[in-house]
Amino acid sequence: MAQNNRIFDDLGRLMNEAAGVADGVRREVETVVKSQAKRIVADMDLVKREDFDALRELVQVQGEEIDQLRKELAALRTKRKAE
């Protein structure tokens, strides 16, 4: 009976160690994948979100200014034709 308990204890310890090794492997794979992803993103030379939002806002404002200038130009042309 003591022999059976020892076998089960050894088997439990072995399974516990295997689970620890598997967790270590999982963490190592996660680290490698994250570092590769960061390297790929860095190589892509992507723009930061803050820079993109600032540029989008600037383009929107300039678009509105261009529309206003077009209206003013059309009014001046109409006025010039009327003269």
N, C-alpha and C. Protein backbone atom coordinates (compact mmCIF):
# COMPACT_ATOMS: atom_id res chain seq x y z
N MET A 1 0.82 -1.19 0.00
CA MET A 1 0.00 0.00 0.00
C MET A 1 0.87 1.26 0.00
N ALA A 2 1.93 1.20 0.78
CA ALA A 2 2.83 2.34 0.83
C ALA A 2 3.50 2.53 -0.51
N GLN A 3 3.74 1.41 -1.22
CA GLN A 3 4.35 1.48 -2.54
C GLN A 3 3.41 2.21 -3.50
N ASN A 4 2.10 1.95 -3.44
CA ASN A 4 1.12 2.61 -4.30
C ASN A 4 1.06 4.10 -4.02
N ASN A 5 1.09 4.47 -2.75
CA ASN A 5 1.05 5.89 -2.38
C ASN A 5 2.29 6.60 -2.91
N ARG A 6 3.44 5.93 -2.82
CA ARG A 6 4.67 6.55 -3.31
C ARG A 6 4.61 6.75 -4.82
N ILE A 7 4.04 5.77 -5.54
CA ILE A 7 3.91 5.89 -6.99
C ILE A 7 3.01 7.07 -7.34
N PHE A 8 1.88 7.17 -6.62
CA PHE A 8 0.96 8.28 -6.89
C PHE A 8 1.60 9.62 -6.53
N ASP A 9 2.37 9.65 -5.44
CA ASP A 9 3.07 10.88 -5.06
C ASP A 9 4.08 11.28 -6.14
N ASP A 10 4.84 10.28 -6.61
CA ASP A 10 5.82 10.56 -7.67
C ASP A 10 5.12 11.01 -8.94
N LEU A 11 4.03 10.36 -9.28
CA LEU A 11 3.29 10.72 -10.48
C LEU A 11 2.72 12.14 -10.34
N GLY A 12 2.20 12.48 -9.20
CA GLY A 12 1.67 13.83 -8.96
C GLY A 12 2.77 14.87 -9.04
N ARG A 13 3.92 14.57 -8.47
CA ARG A 13 5.04 15.50 -8.51
C ARG A 13 5.52 15.68 -9.96
N LEU A 14 5.58 14.58 -10.71
CA LEU A 14 6.00 14.63 -12.10
C LEU A 14 5.03 15.48 -12.93
N MET A 15 3.74 15.30 -12.71
CA MET A 15 2.74 16.09 -13.44
C MET A 15 2.82 17.56 -13.06
N ASN A 16 3.07 17.83 -11.79
CA ASN A 16 3.21 19.21 -11.33
C ASN A 16 4.42 19.87 -11.97
N GLU A 17 5.52 19.16 -12.06
CA GLU A 17 6.72 19.69 -12.70
C GLU A 17 6.50 19.91 -14.19
N ALA A 18 5.78 18.98 -14.83
CA ALA A 18 5.49 19.12 -16.25
C ALA A 18 4.62 20.35 -16.50
N ALA A 19 3.69 20.60 -15.60
CA ALA A 19 2.84 21.79 -15.74
C ALA A 19 3.68 23.05 -15.59
N GLY A 20 4.64 23.04 -14.69
CA GLY A 20 5.52 24.19 -14.51
C GLY A 20 6.39 24.42 -15.74
N VAL A 21 6.89 23.34 -16.32
CA VAL A 21 7.70 23.46 -17.54
C VAL A 21 6.84 24.00 -18.68
N ALA A 22 5.63 23.48 -18.81
CA ALA A 22 4.72 23.95 -19.87
C ALA A 22 4.42 25.43 -19.70
N ASP A 23 4.22 25.87 -18.47
CA ASP A 23 3.96 27.29 -18.23
C ASP A 23 5.18 28.14 -18.60
N GLY A 24 6.36 27.64 -18.28
CA GLY A 24 7.59 28.36 -18.65
C GLY A 24 7.75 28.46 -20.16
N VAL A 25 7.43 27.38 -20.86
CA VAL A 25 7.50 27.39 -22.31
C VAL A 25 6.49 28.38 -22.88
N ARG A 26 5.29 28.39 -22.31
CA ARG A 26 4.25 29.31 -22.76
C ARG A 26 4.72 30.76 -22.60
N ARG A 27 5.30 31.07 -21.46
CA ARG A 27 5.79 32.43 -21.23
C ARG A 27 6.92 32.79 -22.19
N GLU A 28 7.79 31.84 -22.46
CA GLU A 28 8.90 32.09 -23.38
C GLU A 28 8.38 32.33 -24.80
N VAL A 29 7.39 31.55 -25.22
CA VAL A 29 6.80 31.74 -26.55
C VAL A 29 6.12 33.10 -26.63
N GLU A 30 5.40 33.48 -25.60
CA GLU A 30 4.75 34.80 -25.58
C GLU A 30 5.79 35.91 -25.71
N THR A 31 6.89 35.78 -25.00
CA THR A 31 7.95 36.80 -25.06
C THR A 31 8.53 36.90 -26.46
N VAL A 32 8.78 35.76 -27.08
CA VAL A 32 9.35 35.75 -28.43
C VAL A 32 8.37 36.36 -29.42
N VAL A 33 7.10 35.98 -29.32
CA VAL A 33 6.09 36.51 -30.25
C VAL A 33 5.94 38.02 -30.07
N LYS A 34 5.89 38.48 -28.84
CA LYS A 34 5.76 39.92 -28.60
C LYS A 34 6.96 40.68 -29.15
N SER A 35 8.16 40.17 -28.93
CA SER A 35 9.34 40.88 -29.43
C SER A 35 9.37 40.89 -30.95
N GLN A 36 8.96 39.80 -31.59
CA GLN A 36 8.90 39.76 -33.05
C GLN A 36 7.85 40.74 -33.56
N ALA A 37 6.70 40.79 -32.90
CA ALA A 37 5.64 41.72 -33.32
C ALA A 37 6.12 43.16 -33.19
N LYS A 38 6.79 43.48 -32.10
CA LYS A 38 7.31 44.83 -31.91
C LYS A 38 8.34 45.17 -32.99
N ARG A 39 9.19 44.21 -33.34
CA ARG A 39 10.19 44.43 -34.37
C ARG A 39 9.53 44.67 -35.73
N ILE A 40 8.52 43.88 -36.03
CA ILE A 40 7.81 44.04 -37.31
C ILE A 40 7.14 45.40 -37.38
N VAL A 41 6.48 45.80 -36.32
CA VAL A 41 5.81 47.11 -36.29
C VAL A 41 6.83 48.23 -36.42
N ALA A 42 7.96 48.09 -35.75
CA ALA A 42 9.00 49.12 -35.84
C ALA A 42 9.55 49.20 -37.26
N ASP A 43 9.71 48.07 -37.91
CA ASP A 43 10.21 48.05 -39.29
C ASP A 43 9.22 48.66 -40.27
N MET A 44 7.94 48.63 -39.94
CA MET A 44 6.91 49.15 -40.84
C MET A 44 6.88 50.68 -40.83
N ASP A 45 7.52 51.30 -39.87
CA ASP A 45 7.59 52.75 -39.79
C ASP A 45 6.19 53.36 -39.76
N LEU A 46 5.35 52.86 -38.87
CA LEU A 46 3.98 53.33 -38.75
C LEU A 46 3.93 54.66 -38.01
N VAL A 47 2.89 55.43 -38.31
CA VAL A 47 2.71 56.72 -37.66
C VAL A 47 2.00 56.50 -36.31
N LYS A 48 2.32 57.33 -35.35
CA LYS A 48 1.67 57.23 -34.04
C LYS A 48 0.25 57.75 -34.15
N ARG A 49 -0.63 57.23 -33.32
CA ARG A 49 -2.04 57.61 -33.35
C ARG A 49 -2.22 59.10 -33.09
N GLU A 50 -1.46 59.66 -32.15
CA GLU A 50 -1.58 61.08 -31.83
C GLU A 50 -1.22 61.93 -33.04
N ASP A 51 -0.16 61.54 -33.76
CA ASP A 51 0.24 62.29 -34.95
C ASP A 51 -0.81 62.20 -36.04
N PHE A 52 -1.39 61.00 -36.20
CA PHE A 52 -2.43 60.81 -37.21
C PHE A 52 -3.65 61.68 -36.89
N ASP A 53 -4.08 61.68 -35.64
CA ASP A 53 -5.25 62.49 -35.25
C ASP A 53 -4.98 63.97 -35.45
N ALA A 54 -3.79 64.44 -35.11
CA ALA A 54 -3.45 65.86 -35.29
C ALA A 54 -3.45 66.23 -36.76
N LEU A 55 -2.90 65.38 -37.60
CA LEU A 55 -2.87 65.65 -39.03
C LEU A 55 -4.27 65.61 -39.63
N ARG A 56 -5.09 64.67 -39.18
CA ARG A 56 -6.47 64.58 -39.67
C ARG A 56 -7.24 65.86 -39.33
N GLU A 57 -7.07 66.37 -38.11
CA GLU A 57 -7.74 67.60 -37.71
C GLU A 57 -7.26 68.78 -38.55
N LEU A 58 -5.95 68.85 -38.80
CA LEU A 58 -5.40 69.92 -39.62
C LEU A 58 -5.96 69.87 -41.04
N VAL A 59 -6.04 68.68 -41.62
CA VAL A 59 -6.58 68.52 -42.97
C VAL A 59 -8.05 68.92 -43.01
N GLN A 60 -8.79 68.58 -41.98
CA GLN A 60 -10.21 68.95 -41.92
C GLN A 60 -10.37 70.47 -41.88
N VAL A 61 -9.57 71.13 -41.06
CA VAL A 61 -9.64 72.59 -40.96
C VAL A 61 -9.25 73.21 -42.30
N GLN A 62 -8.21 72.71 -42.92
CA GLN A 62 -7.79 73.25 -44.22
C GLN A 62 -8.85 73.00 -45.29
N GLY A 63 -9.52 71.87 -45.22
CA GLY A 63 -10.61 71.59 -46.16
C GLY A 63 -11.73 72.61 -46.03
N GLU A 64 -12.05 72.93 -44.78
CA GLU A 64 -13.10 73.93 -44.55
C GLU A 64 -12.65 75.30 -45.07
N GLU A 65 -11.39 75.65 -44.86
CA GLU A 65 -10.87 76.93 -45.37
C GLU A 65 -10.90 76.96 -46.90
N ILE A 66 -10.57 75.84 -47.54
CA ILE A 66 -10.59 75.78 -49.00
C ILE A 66 -12.02 75.95 -49.50
N ASP A 67 -12.98 75.31 -48.85
CA ASP A 67 -14.38 75.47 -49.26
C ASP A 67 -14.82 76.92 -49.14
N GLN A 68 -14.43 77.58 -48.06
CA GLN A 68 -14.78 78.98 -47.87
C GLN A 68 -14.13 79.85 -48.96
N LEU A 69 -12.87 79.59 -49.26
CA LEU A 69 -12.19 80.36 -50.30
C LEU A 69 -12.83 80.12 -51.67
N ARG A 70 -13.26 78.92 -51.95
CA ARG A 70 -13.94 78.64 -53.22
C ARG A 70 -15.24 79.44 -53.33
N LYS A 71 -15.97 79.51 -52.23
CA LYS A 71 -17.21 80.28 -52.23
C LYS A 71 -16.92 81.76 -52.47
N GLU A 72 -15.89 82.27 -51.81
CA GLU A 72 -15.52 83.67 -52.00
C GLU A 72 -15.08 83.93 -53.44
N LEU A 73 -14.31 83.02 -54.02
CA LEU A 73 -13.86 83.16 -55.39
C LEU A 73 -15.04 83.12 -56.37
N ALA A 74 -15.98 82.22 -56.12
CA ALA A 74 -17.16 82.14 -56.98
C ALA A 74 -17.97 83.43 -56.89
N ALA A 75 -18.08 84.00 -55.68
CA ALA A 75 -18.81 85.26 -55.52
C ALA A 75 -18.10 86.39 -56.26
N LEU A 76 -16.79 86.43 -56.17
CA LEU A 76 -16.03 87.47 -56.87
C LEU A 76 -16.17 87.33 -58.39
N ARG A 77 -16.15 86.10 -58.89
CA ARG A 77 -16.32 85.88 -60.33
C ARG A 77 -17.71 86.29 -60.78
N THR A 78 -18.70 85.97 -59.96
CA THR A 78 -20.06 86.36 -60.30
C THR A 78 -20.20 87.88 -60.31
N LYS A 79 -19.58 88.52 -59.33
CA LYS A 79 -19.63 89.98 -59.23
C LYS A 79 -18.90 90.61 -60.43
N ARG A 80 -17.78 90.03 -60.83
CA ARG A 80 -17.01 90.55 -61.96
C ARG A 80 -17.78 90.41 -63.28
N LYS A 81 -18.48 89.31 -63.46
CA LYS A 81 -19.29 89.11 -64.67
C LYS A 81 -20.46 90.09 -64.72
N ALA A 82 -20.98 90.43 -63.55
CA ALA A 82 -22.13 91.33 -63.48
C ALA A 82 -21.71 92.77 -63.84
N GLU A 83 -20.48 93.11 -63.69
CA GLU A 83 -20.02 94.49 -63.95
C GLU A 83 -19.87 94.80 -65.37
